[in-house]
Amino acid sequence: MIPSFDPILWRRASWSVLALAGVAFICLGVAEQGSRGGGLQTPPHSPLPFERHRVFGLNLAGMSSLQALDWLNAAGNPSLALVVLPIDAEVVASLGQDDSRDAGLAAIDALRHAAGGSSLAVCLRRPQDTIGGLPVAEAAVSAISARFPEQIVYVGACDPAEHPAWQADVAEAARTDAEIQFPVNALIPLAGGDVVVTQQLDGTDELDSTDLRVSSPIAYSFYLLDSPAPLNDETIQDAAAALADSTQAALVLVAPTDGVDPAGLAGSIASVRLPTRTLPEGFSGVTAPSVNLNDVWQRTNVGTIVYMRATQTGAALAAEFIGTDVYLMGIEGPDSGIVQVWIDPDSPSAPPSVVLDLAAGQARDAAIPIARGLPAARHQLIIQAGAPDGTNVTISGLYVTGTPATAWAGMMAAAVVLLAAVVALAERSYTAVVAIRQRGRPPSRRPRTGHPRVFARDR
C-alpha cells in the first residue's frame, strides 16, 4: 500500500529545508567573510614604525645580549624590517645608576650598530633582587628613549608570560599617557607607532592567511617563527602571501635555533618584499613599492616613521588595491589642507570621488576613511594634495581591508542554488506522482442523498 502524503506539509517541509540552508549559508558566508576580511576590527590611527612590506624581521629575545651581538656580527650585520634585541638584567640595572649608565648605554649601542640600521625593539630582563619594578623600568626606558629615539621603537619584557608584573611596569614606564591596559604579550611603542602583540607559531604550516586572520582582532601582530635552518622558497612565499592577505599581520619574526648558520638565515629573509602590483591588506607605508608618488612630496622622518609632506598643490599619489574599504593614514591638524581622491576615474577630467578636509583643532595621526563598501574587486586610487594659503598635507600611508569572497564561499552559494533546484524538482515530482495516483483511483462518490434515481445519474 502506498502511503499518502499531505502536499501542504510537503511544501512547507521543502521550503523549510531551503530556508535553513539559506540561513546556514548566510552564517557561514558571514563567518568566512569575517575571516577573510577579519583581523583588525577598525584601522589603527597610528602608522607602523617599520617597513611592513619587507615581510621578515629577526627575534633574538631568547639569547643573552652577548649572544645576540655575536650572532648579528656573524650574520654580517643584516638590515631587516625589525630586530628584537635582548637587554640583560645587569644592563637594565645599570641604566638607573649614574656611575654605570654610560656603560649600559654603550652596550646597547654596540647591539644597535650590529643590527645594521634595522628598526629595533628591545626586551628588558628584570634585575634580580629588585624591590619595586616600576622605578627600575622607568629609569631604563627613559635612558633608552632619550639616547636612541631614531632607531629603538618598541620596548617590552623578554619573558612577559613568566613575568607579567615586570611587563606591566615596562608598559607603564613606556606609555604613562595610556588609558588602556596593554596585553601581556604586547610590544609598546616608545613614541609614534601602534601597539603590536606577539603570537608564537608552532611551525611553517601556520603561515596561512586563514589562520592569521582569526588572531588578534584588536591589534597588529608579530608572528614568531622558530627556524633551525635558512628559510626555503616555499616558506618565504607562504609568509609573503599570508602577510599580504591579513590586515593585522605586521611582520613574521624569525628566531634562530641552535646550529643555524647566521649568515644563511639572515640572507634568506633580508631581501624578501611583498608583491608590488597592488596594496596588501592592512597598512602600507608611503615607502612601500606599491605606492607611487610624484616628486612634489617632501620626505619627513619622525623616529623611524616616514611621512610625505606637501606644502603646495600638485603632490599626487597613485596605487591599486583589491578590497572594499580604504583609508588614508595621515595627520589631521590646524595647518592641514585638503585631499582630493579619485577611485576608478572614468577619464583624466573626471571630478574627484571625494574631498577630504584634514583640518582639526589639534595635530594627530588619524585613519581617515576614503571609501567603504566598494565592490570587492581591483580598484585604482589617485590622491592629490591641496595645500593653499600656508597649509600642508602630511601622510604616512594607506590602509586597505575587505577581500573578495573565497572560492569556498562561492561553492557554498552554488550548493544552495543546487539545493533550491533539488527542492523544486522534488516538489514537481511529488505533484506528478499525486496526479498519477489520482488518475488511478476509482471516481469519488458523493454521499447518497435524495431520490435514488437522481443519485444514479452521478455514478
Protein backbone atom coordinates (compact mmCIF):
# COMPACT_ATOMS: atom_id res chain seq x y z
CA MET A 1 0.00 0.00 0.00
CA ILE A 2 1.38 3.38 -0.97
CA PRO A 3 1.29 5.81 1.97
CA SER A 4 -0.47 9.08 1.48
CA PHE A 5 1.24 12.49 1.76
CA ASP A 6 -0.06 15.90 2.66
CA PRO A 7 1.06 18.23 -0.16
CA ILE A 8 0.86 21.30 2.07
CA LEU A 9 3.12 19.71 4.65
CA TRP A 10 5.46 18.59 1.87
CA ARG A 11 5.78 22.11 0.54
CA ARG A 12 6.30 23.55 3.99
CA ALA A 13 8.97 20.98 4.80
CA SER A 14 10.73 21.51 1.47
CA TRP A 15 10.88 25.26 1.78
CA SER A 16 11.83 25.00 5.44
CA VAL A 17 14.85 22.94 4.39
CA LEU A 18 15.70 25.57 1.80
CA ALA A 19 15.27 28.39 4.30
CA LEU A 20 17.50 26.65 6.83
CA ALA A 21 20.11 26.06 4.14
CA GLY A 22 19.93 29.71 3.18
CA VAL A 23 20.38 30.82 6.80
CA ALA A 24 23.28 28.41 7.18
CA PHE A 25 24.87 29.78 4.03
CA ILE A 26 24.48 33.35 5.22
CA CYS A 27 26.00 32.49 8.60
CA LEU A 28 28.84 30.56 7.02
CA GLY A 29 29.35 33.29 4.44
CA VAL A 30 29.49 35.92 7.18
CA ALA A 31 31.92 33.79 9.15
CA GLU A 32 34.04 33.20 6.06
CA GLN A 33 33.98 36.86 5.07
CA GLY A 34 34.80 37.73 8.67
CA SER A 35 37.82 35.51 8.48
CA ARG A 36 38.75 36.76 5.01
CA GLY A 37 38.40 40.39 5.87
CA GLY A 38 38.81 39.63 9.55
CA GLY A 39 41.65 40.56 11.79
CA LEU A 40 41.61 44.17 12.87
CA GLN A 41 38.09 45.36 13.61
CA THR A 42 38.99 49.00 12.94
CA PRO A 43 42.10 50.54 11.39
CA PRO A 44 44.57 51.79 13.99
CA HIS A 45 45.11 55.52 13.94
CA SER A 46 48.89 55.26 14.21
CA PRO A 47 51.16 54.03 11.41
CA LEU A 48 53.64 51.22 11.86
CA PRO A 49 57.21 52.40 12.58
CA PHE A 50 58.89 49.90 10.26
CA GLU A 51 58.66 48.70 6.66
CA ARG A 52 55.86 46.12 6.75
CA HIS A 53 56.34 45.33 3.06
CA ARG A 54 59.68 43.72 3.91
CA VAL A 55 57.82 40.72 5.43
CA PHE A 56 60.51 39.41 7.81
CA GLY A 57 62.24 40.55 10.95
CA LEU A 58 64.50 38.83 13.46
CA ASN A 59 63.70 37.80 17.02
CA LEU A 60 66.77 37.36 19.25
CA ALA A 61 64.88 37.70 22.55
CA GLY A 62 65.78 34.16 23.58
CA MET A 63 69.50 34.96 23.65
CA SER A 64 71.67 36.93 26.02
CA SER A 65 72.88 40.34 24.93
CA LEU A 66 76.35 38.99 24.16
CA GLN A 67 74.98 36.04 22.19
CA ALA A 68 72.78 38.41 20.16
CA LEU A 69 75.77 40.65 19.44
CA ASP A 70 77.88 37.71 18.27
CA TRP A 71 75.03 36.33 16.16
CA LEU A 72 74.43 39.63 14.37
CA ASN A 73 78.13 40.09 13.67
CA ALA A 74 78.34 36.54 12.30
CA ALA A 75 75.29 37.25 10.11
CA GLY A 76 77.04 40.24 8.55
CA ASN A 77 75.08 42.92 10.42
CA PRO A 78 71.91 42.49 8.33
CA SER A 79 69.45 45.30 7.72
CA LEU A 80 65.92 44.00 8.30
CA ALA A 81 62.48 45.47 8.84
CA LEU A 82 62.80 44.96 12.61
CA VAL A 83 65.13 43.20 15.04
CA VAL A 84 64.14 42.30 18.61
CA LEU A 85 67.20 42.66 20.86
CA PRO A 86 67.56 41.36 24.43
CA ILE A 87 68.89 43.69 27.14
CA ASP A 88 70.35 41.69 30.00
CA ALA A 89 69.31 42.35 33.60
CA GLU A 90 72.65 43.86 34.62
CA VAL A 91 72.48 46.33 31.73
CA VAL A 92 68.91 47.26 32.69
CA ALA A 93 70.02 47.83 36.28
CA SER A 94 72.95 49.99 35.17
CA LEU A 95 70.64 52.40 33.32
CA GLY A 96 69.25 53.57 36.65
CA GLN A 97 72.65 54.29 38.20
CA ASP A 98 74.59 57.46 37.47
CA ASP A 99 78.01 55.84 37.68
CA SER A 100 77.23 52.97 35.30
CA ARG A 101 74.59 54.38 32.93
CA ASP A 102 77.09 55.24 30.20
CA ALA A 103 78.45 51.70 30.21
CA GLY A 104 74.95 50.29 29.89
CA LEU A 105 74.13 52.63 27.02
CA ALA A 106 77.40 51.68 25.31
CA ALA A 107 76.40 48.00 25.47
CA ILE A 108 73.05 48.82 23.84
CA ASP A 109 74.82 50.98 21.26
CA ALA A 110 77.02 48.03 20.26
CA LEU A 111 73.90 45.93 19.70
CA ARG A 112 72.31 48.74 17.72
CA HIS A 113 75.27 49.02 15.36
CA ALA A 114 75.39 45.24 14.89
CA ALA A 115 71.75 45.30 13.71
CA GLY A 116 72.80 47.15 10.57
CA GLY A 117 70.41 50.09 10.72
CA SER A 118 67.29 47.96 11.31
CA SER A 119 64.40 49.37 13.30
CA LEU A 120 64.66 47.88 16.79
CA ALA A 121 62.51 46.54 19.57
CA VAL A 122 64.28 45.89 22.88
CA CYS A 123 63.13 43.44 25.50
CA LEU A 124 64.27 44.14 29.06
CA ARG A 125 65.14 41.45 31.59
CA ARG A 126 64.16 42.24 35.15
CA PRO A 127 67.14 42.61 37.52
CA GLN A 128 67.07 40.18 40.40
CA ASP A 129 66.54 41.35 43.97
CA THR A 130 64.71 44.42 42.69
CA ILE A 131 62.26 45.98 45.12
CA GLY A 132 59.62 47.84 43.16
CA GLY A 133 59.95 47.18 39.46
CA LEU A 134 58.40 50.39 38.18
CA PRO A 135 61.24 52.78 39.15
CA VAL A 136 63.77 50.43 37.54
CA ALA A 137 61.67 50.19 34.39
CA GLU A 138 61.19 53.96 34.28
CA ALA A 139 64.92 54.62 34.55
CA ALA A 140 65.74 52.10 31.82
CA VAL A 141 63.03 53.23 29.43
CA SER A 142 63.86 56.88 29.96
CA ALA A 143 67.56 56.35 29.22
CA ILE A 144 66.85 54.27 26.10
CA SER A 145 64.25 56.63 24.62
CA ALA A 146 66.45 59.67 25.25
CA ARG A 147 69.57 58.12 23.70
CA PHE A 148 68.13 56.13 20.77
CA PRO A 149 64.91 57.82 19.59
CA GLU A 150 65.75 57.35 15.90
CA GLN A 151 66.08 53.57 15.93
CA ILE A 152 64.55 51.89 19.01
CA VAL A 153 60.80 51.98 18.52
CA TYR A 154 59.39 49.27 20.82
CA VAL A 155 60.05 48.05 24.34
CA GLY A 156 58.74 45.16 26.42
CA ALA A 157 59.74 42.37 28.79
CA CYS A 158 61.79 39.48 27.40
CA ASP A 159 59.62 36.82 29.05
CA PRO A 160 56.27 38.59 29.55
CA ALA A 161 54.25 35.45 30.24
CA GLU A 162 56.64 34.43 33.04
CA HIS A 163 56.94 37.96 34.46
CA PRO A 164 53.61 39.74 33.83
CA ALA A 165 54.18 42.26 36.65
CA TRP A 166 57.50 43.31 35.10
CA GLN A 167 55.83 43.58 31.69
CA ALA A 168 53.19 45.86 33.24
CA ASP A 169 55.94 48.01 34.79
CA VAL A 170 57.73 48.34 31.45
CA ALA A 171 54.47 49.21 29.67
CA GLU A 172 53.61 51.87 32.23
CA ALA A 173 57.10 53.34 32.01
CA ALA A 174 56.93 53.49 28.22
CA ARG A 175 53.46 54.97 27.89
CA THR A 176 52.43 56.86 31.00
CA ASP A 177 49.69 58.55 28.98
CA ALA A 178 48.00 55.29 28.01
CA GLU A 179 44.39 54.92 29.11
CA ILE A 180 44.21 51.20 28.45
CA GLN A 181 45.96 48.16 29.89
CA PHE A 182 48.23 46.62 27.30
CA PRO A 183 48.11 42.86 26.64
CA VAL A 184 50.83 40.88 28.39
CA ASN A 185 52.35 39.90 25.03
CA ALA A 186 52.48 43.46 23.70
CA LEU A 187 55.42 45.48 22.49
CA ILE A 188 54.90 49.10 23.49
CA PRO A 189 55.84 51.96 21.14
CA LEU A 190 58.19 54.45 22.75
CA ALA A 191 56.88 57.39 20.70
CA GLY A 192 54.95 57.08 17.44
CA GLY A 193 53.52 53.90 16.04
CA ASP A 194 50.88 51.43 17.05
CA VAL A 195 50.94 48.68 19.68
CA VAL A 196 51.88 45.23 18.39
CA VAL A 197 51.30 41.88 20.11
CA THR A 198 53.39 38.76 19.60
CA GLN A 199 51.96 35.40 18.54
CA GLN A 200 54.04 32.21 18.58
CA LEU A 201 53.65 29.92 15.56
CA ASP A 202 54.04 26.19 16.02
CA GLY A 203 55.65 25.82 12.61
CA THR A 204 55.64 26.88 9.00
CA ASP A 205 52.27 25.17 8.44
CA GLU A 206 50.65 28.03 10.35
CA LEU A 207 51.93 30.60 7.85
CA ASP A 208 48.48 30.73 6.29
CA SER A 209 46.29 33.81 5.92
CA THR A 210 43.22 31.95 7.17
CA ASP A 211 45.00 31.09 10.42
CA LEU A 212 46.48 34.56 10.85
CA ARG A 213 43.17 36.37 10.29
CA VAL A 214 41.43 34.79 13.25
CA SER A 215 44.02 36.03 15.76
CA SER A 216 44.40 39.43 17.43
CA PRO A 217 41.31 41.31 16.18
CA ILE A 218 42.28 44.41 18.17
CA ALA A 219 45.99 44.89 17.44
CA TYR A 220 48.71 44.29 14.91
CA SER A 221 50.65 41.05 15.43
CA PHE A 222 54.22 39.91 15.08
CA TYR A 223 54.19 36.19 14.29
CA LEU A 224 57.16 34.42 15.89
CA LEU A 225 58.63 31.55 13.90
CA ASP A 226 61.45 29.35 15.24
CA SER A 227 63.82 28.36 12.46
CA PRO A 228 66.58 25.71 12.62
CA ALA A 229 67.72 26.48 9.06
CA PRO A 230 67.55 29.20 6.40
CA LEU A 231 64.01 29.58 5.10
CA ASN A 232 63.22 27.82 1.84
CA ASP A 233 61.32 29.33 -1.08
CA GLU A 234 58.02 27.70 -0.16
CA THR A 235 58.07 29.10 3.38
CA ILE A 236 59.04 32.54 2.09
CA GLN A 237 56.20 32.54 -0.43
CA ASP A 238 53.70 31.36 2.20
CA ALA A 239 54.78 34.11 4.59
CA ALA A 240 54.56 36.82 1.94
CA ALA A 241 51.12 35.65 0.81
CA ALA A 242 49.82 35.48 4.38
CA LEU A 243 51.13 38.94 5.21
CA ALA A 244 49.63 40.43 2.04
CA ASP A 245 46.23 38.91 2.83
CA SER A 246 45.93 39.70 6.56
CA THR A 247 45.10 43.14 7.90
CA GLN A 248 46.65 42.56 11.31
CA ALA A 249 49.80 40.68 10.28
CA ALA A 250 52.63 43.17 10.86
CA LEU A 251 55.72 41.00 10.32
CA VAL A 252 56.99 37.46 10.63
CA LEU A 253 59.83 37.49 13.17
CA VAL A 254 62.24 34.60 12.71
CA ALA A 255 64.00 33.24 15.81
CA PRO A 256 67.17 31.27 15.06
CA THR A 257 67.57 28.00 16.94
CA ASP A 258 70.80 26.24 17.87
CA GLY A 259 73.04 25.30 14.97
CA VAL A 260 71.54 27.51 12.28
CA ASP A 261 74.04 29.43 10.16
CA PRO A 262 73.55 33.16 10.95
CA ALA A 263 74.61 34.40 7.52
CA GLY A 264 72.47 31.81 5.75
CA LEU A 265 69.35 32.57 7.76
CA ALA A 266 69.74 36.34 7.52
CA GLY A 267 70.46 36.10 3.81
CA SER A 268 67.31 34.07 3.18
CA ILE A 269 64.99 36.74 4.61
CA ALA A 270 66.72 40.10 4.19
CA SER A 271 65.65 40.86 0.61
CA VAL A 272 62.08 39.49 0.69
CA ARG A 273 59.43 42.02 -0.35
CA LEU A 274 55.68 41.90 -0.85
CA PRO A 275 54.48 41.90 -4.47
CA THR A 276 54.38 45.42 -5.89
CA ARG A 277 51.29 45.27 -8.09
CA THR A 278 48.60 46.05 -5.50
CA LEU A 279 48.44 47.27 -1.92
CA PRO A 280 48.26 44.42 0.57
CA GLU A 281 45.55 44.24 3.18
CA GLY A 282 46.26 46.37 6.21
CA PHE A 283 48.80 49.19 6.40
CA SER A 284 51.18 50.20 3.63
CA GLY A 285 53.65 52.98 4.37
CA VAL A 286 54.44 55.71 1.88
CA THR A 287 57.75 54.00 1.07
CA ALA A 288 56.07 50.72 0.08
CA PRO A 289 56.81 49.72 -3.52
CA SER A 290 53.08 49.56 -4.33
CA VAL A 291 52.67 53.29 -3.52
CA ASN A 292 53.65 55.61 -6.37
CA LEU A 293 54.32 59.29 -5.61
CA ASN A 294 55.42 62.19 -7.77
CA ASP A 295 58.41 64.35 -6.85
CA VAL A 296 56.44 67.21 -5.27
CA TRP A 297 56.31 65.43 -1.91
CA GLN A 298 58.95 66.11 0.74
CA ARG A 299 60.12 63.25 2.95
CA THR A 300 59.96 63.75 6.72
CA ASN A 301 61.04 61.25 9.38
CA VAL A 302 59.67 61.11 12.92
CA GLY A 303 61.81 58.45 14.54
CA THR A 304 61.52 55.50 12.17
CA ILE A 305 58.12 56.56 10.78
CA VAL A 306 58.31 58.07 7.30
CA TYR A 307 55.85 60.80 6.30
CA MET A 308 55.44 62.53 2.96
CA ARG A 309 54.59 66.23 3.24
CA ALA A 310 53.16 68.54 0.59
CA THR A 311 53.28 72.30 1.04
CA GLN A 312 51.82 73.10 -2.35
CA THR A 313 49.01 71.84 -4.53
CA GLY A 314 50.01 69.24 -7.07
CA ALA A 315 51.56 66.50 -4.93
CA ALA A 316 49.96 63.25 -6.10
CA LEU A 317 49.88 59.57 -5.20
CA ALA A 318 48.58 56.56 -7.13
CA ALA A 319 48.01 52.95 -6.11
CA GLU A 320 45.90 49.91 -6.88
CA PHE A 321 44.15 47.77 -4.29
CA ILE A 322 41.73 44.86 -4.02
CA GLY A 323 39.20 45.39 -1.27
CA THR A 324 36.06 47.12 -0.12
CA ASP A 325 37.37 49.78 2.29
CA VAL A 326 40.33 52.12 2.02
CA TYR A 327 41.66 54.72 4.46
CA LEU A 328 44.24 57.48 4.23
CA MET A 329 46.73 57.41 7.10
CA GLY A 330 47.85 60.96 7.73
CA ILE A 331 47.98 63.91 10.07
CA GLU A 332 44.95 66.00 10.91
CA GLY A 333 45.80 69.39 12.41
CA PRO A 334 45.27 73.16 12.42
CA ASP A 335 47.57 73.64 9.42
CA SER A 336 46.33 70.68 7.38
CA GLY A 337 44.84 71.21 3.93
CA ILE A 338 42.53 69.11 1.79
CA VAL A 339 42.92 65.94 -0.23
CA GLN A 340 41.10 65.16 -3.47
CA VAL A 341 40.56 61.46 -4.15
CA TRP A 342 39.61 59.62 -7.34
CA ILE A 343 38.54 55.97 -7.24
CA ASP A 344 38.34 54.26 -10.63
CA PRO A 345 38.06 57.54 -12.58
CA ASP A 346 36.33 57.31 -15.95
CA SER A 347 38.63 59.88 -17.56
CA PRO A 348 41.50 62.23 -16.68
CA SER A 349 38.99 65.08 -16.39
CA ALA A 350 36.58 63.25 -14.06
CA PRO A 351 35.68 65.12 -10.86
CA PRO A 352 37.07 63.70 -7.61
CA SER A 353 35.13 60.90 -5.94
CA VAL A 354 35.59 62.51 -2.54
CA VAL A 355 37.30 65.54 -1.00
CA LEU A 356 38.79 65.12 2.50
CA ASP A 357 39.34 68.07 4.82
CA LEU A 358 42.23 67.26 7.17
CA ALA A 359 41.82 70.35 9.36
CA ALA A 360 41.48 69.68 13.10
CA GLY A 361 41.97 71.57 16.32
CA GLN A 362 44.98 69.50 17.39
CA ALA A 363 47.61 67.69 15.33
CA ARG A 364 47.24 63.91 15.49
CA ASP A 365 47.74 60.78 13.42
CA ALA A 366 44.44 59.56 12.04
CA ALA A 367 42.91 56.92 9.79
CA ILE A 368 40.64 58.93 7.51
CA PRO A 369 38.05 56.90 5.57
CA ILE A 370 38.23 57.40 1.83
CA ALA A 371 35.63 54.84 0.74
CA ARG A 372 33.66 51.99 2.31
CA GLY A 373 31.52 49.31 0.80
CA LEU A 374 33.20 49.23 -2.60
CA PRO A 375 32.81 46.13 -4.76
CA ALA A 376 35.35 43.52 -3.66
CA ALA A 377 37.44 43.93 -6.79
CA ARG A 378 40.54 45.68 -8.10
CA HIS A 379 40.38 49.47 -7.83
CA GLN A 380 42.56 52.36 -8.95
CA LEU A 381 43.20 55.08 -6.39
CA ILE A 382 44.56 58.56 -7.13
CA ILE A 383 45.16 61.16 -4.42
CA GLN A 384 46.10 64.80 -4.93
CA ALA A 385 47.04 67.16 -2.13
CA GLY A 386 45.59 70.63 -1.87
CA ALA A 387 47.70 72.93 0.32
CA PRO A 388 46.77 76.57 -0.28
CA ASP A 389 47.50 79.54 1.98
CA GLY A 390 50.31 78.05 4.05
CA THR A 391 48.61 74.74 4.81
CA ASN A 392 50.16 71.34 4.22
CA VAL A 393 49.18 67.72 3.68
CA THR A 394 51.20 65.07 5.53
CA ILE A 395 50.54 61.36 5.00
CA SER A 396 52.10 58.17 6.33
CA GLY A 397 50.39 55.56 4.19
CA LEU A 398 47.20 53.75 3.22
CA TYR A 399 45.10 51.09 4.90
CA VAL A 400 43.04 48.54 2.94
CA THR A 401 40.58 45.95 4.16
CA GLY A 402 37.80 43.75 2.77
CA THR A 403 38.66 40.99 0.29
CA PRO A 404 36.51 39.10 -2.24
CA ALA A 405 34.61 36.02 -1.14
CA THR A 406 36.69 32.87 -1.29
CA ALA A 407 36.13 30.04 -3.73
CA TRP A 408 34.74 28.06 -0.78
CA ALA A 409 32.01 30.65 -0.26
CA GLY A 410 31.25 30.58 -3.97
CA MET A 411 30.92 26.81 -3.81
CA MET A 412 28.51 27.21 -0.91
CA ALA A 413 26.43 29.64 -2.96
CA ALA A 414 26.33 27.17 -5.84
CA ALA A 415 25.37 24.41 -3.39
CA VAL A 416 22.43 26.45 -2.12
CA VAL A 417 21.25 27.14 -5.67
CA LEU A 418 21.54 23.43 -6.40
CA LEU A 419 19.60 22.64 -3.24
CA ALA A 420 16.83 25.02 -4.33
CA ALA A 421 16.67 23.28 -7.69
CA VAL A 422 16.50 19.88 -5.99
CA VAL A 423 13.68 21.01 -3.73
CA ALA A 424 11.78 22.48 -6.67
CA LEU A 425 12.29 19.29 -8.68
CA ALA A 426 11.19 17.18 -5.74
CA GLU A 427 8.01 19.20 -5.39
CA ARG A 428 7.27 18.90 -9.12
CA SER A 429 7.92 15.16 -8.93
CA TYR A 430 5.63 14.83 -5.97
CA THR A 431 2.91 16.77 -7.82
CA ALA A 432 3.26 14.41 -10.78
CA VAL A 433 3.05 11.35 -8.52
CA VAL A 434 -0.06 12.72 -6.87
CA ALA A 435 -1.65 13.30 -10.30
CA ILE A 436 -0.86 9.73 -11.38
CA ARG A 437 -2.34 8.35 -8.18
CA GLN A 438 -5.44 10.39 -8.63
CA ARG A 439 -5.91 9.12 -12.20
CA GLY A 440 -5.52 5.53 -10.98
CA ARG A 441 -8.12 5.78 -8.25
CA PRO A 442 -11.81 4.99 -8.78
CA PRO A 443 -14.07 8.01 -9.20
CA SER A 444 -15.01 9.62 -5.98
CA ARG A 445 -18.65 9.27 -4.91
CA ARG A 446 -20.78 11.80 -3.20
CA PRO A 447 -22.87 10.60 -0.26
CA ARG A 448 -26.14 9.12 -1.45
CA THR A 449 -28.81 11.59 -0.57
CA GLY A 450 -32.18 12.35 -2.13
CA HIS A 451 -34.04 10.20 -4.66
CA PRO A 452 -32.15 7.04 -5.78
CA ARG A 453 -32.74 7.80 -9.44
CA VAL A 454 -31.24 11.25 -9.10
CA PHE A 455 -28.17 9.80 -7.35
CA ALA A 456 -27.79 7.11 -10.02
CA ARG A 457 -27.14 9.74 -12.66
CA ASP A 458 -23.89 10.70 -10.86
CA ARG A 459 -22.31 7.25 -10.89
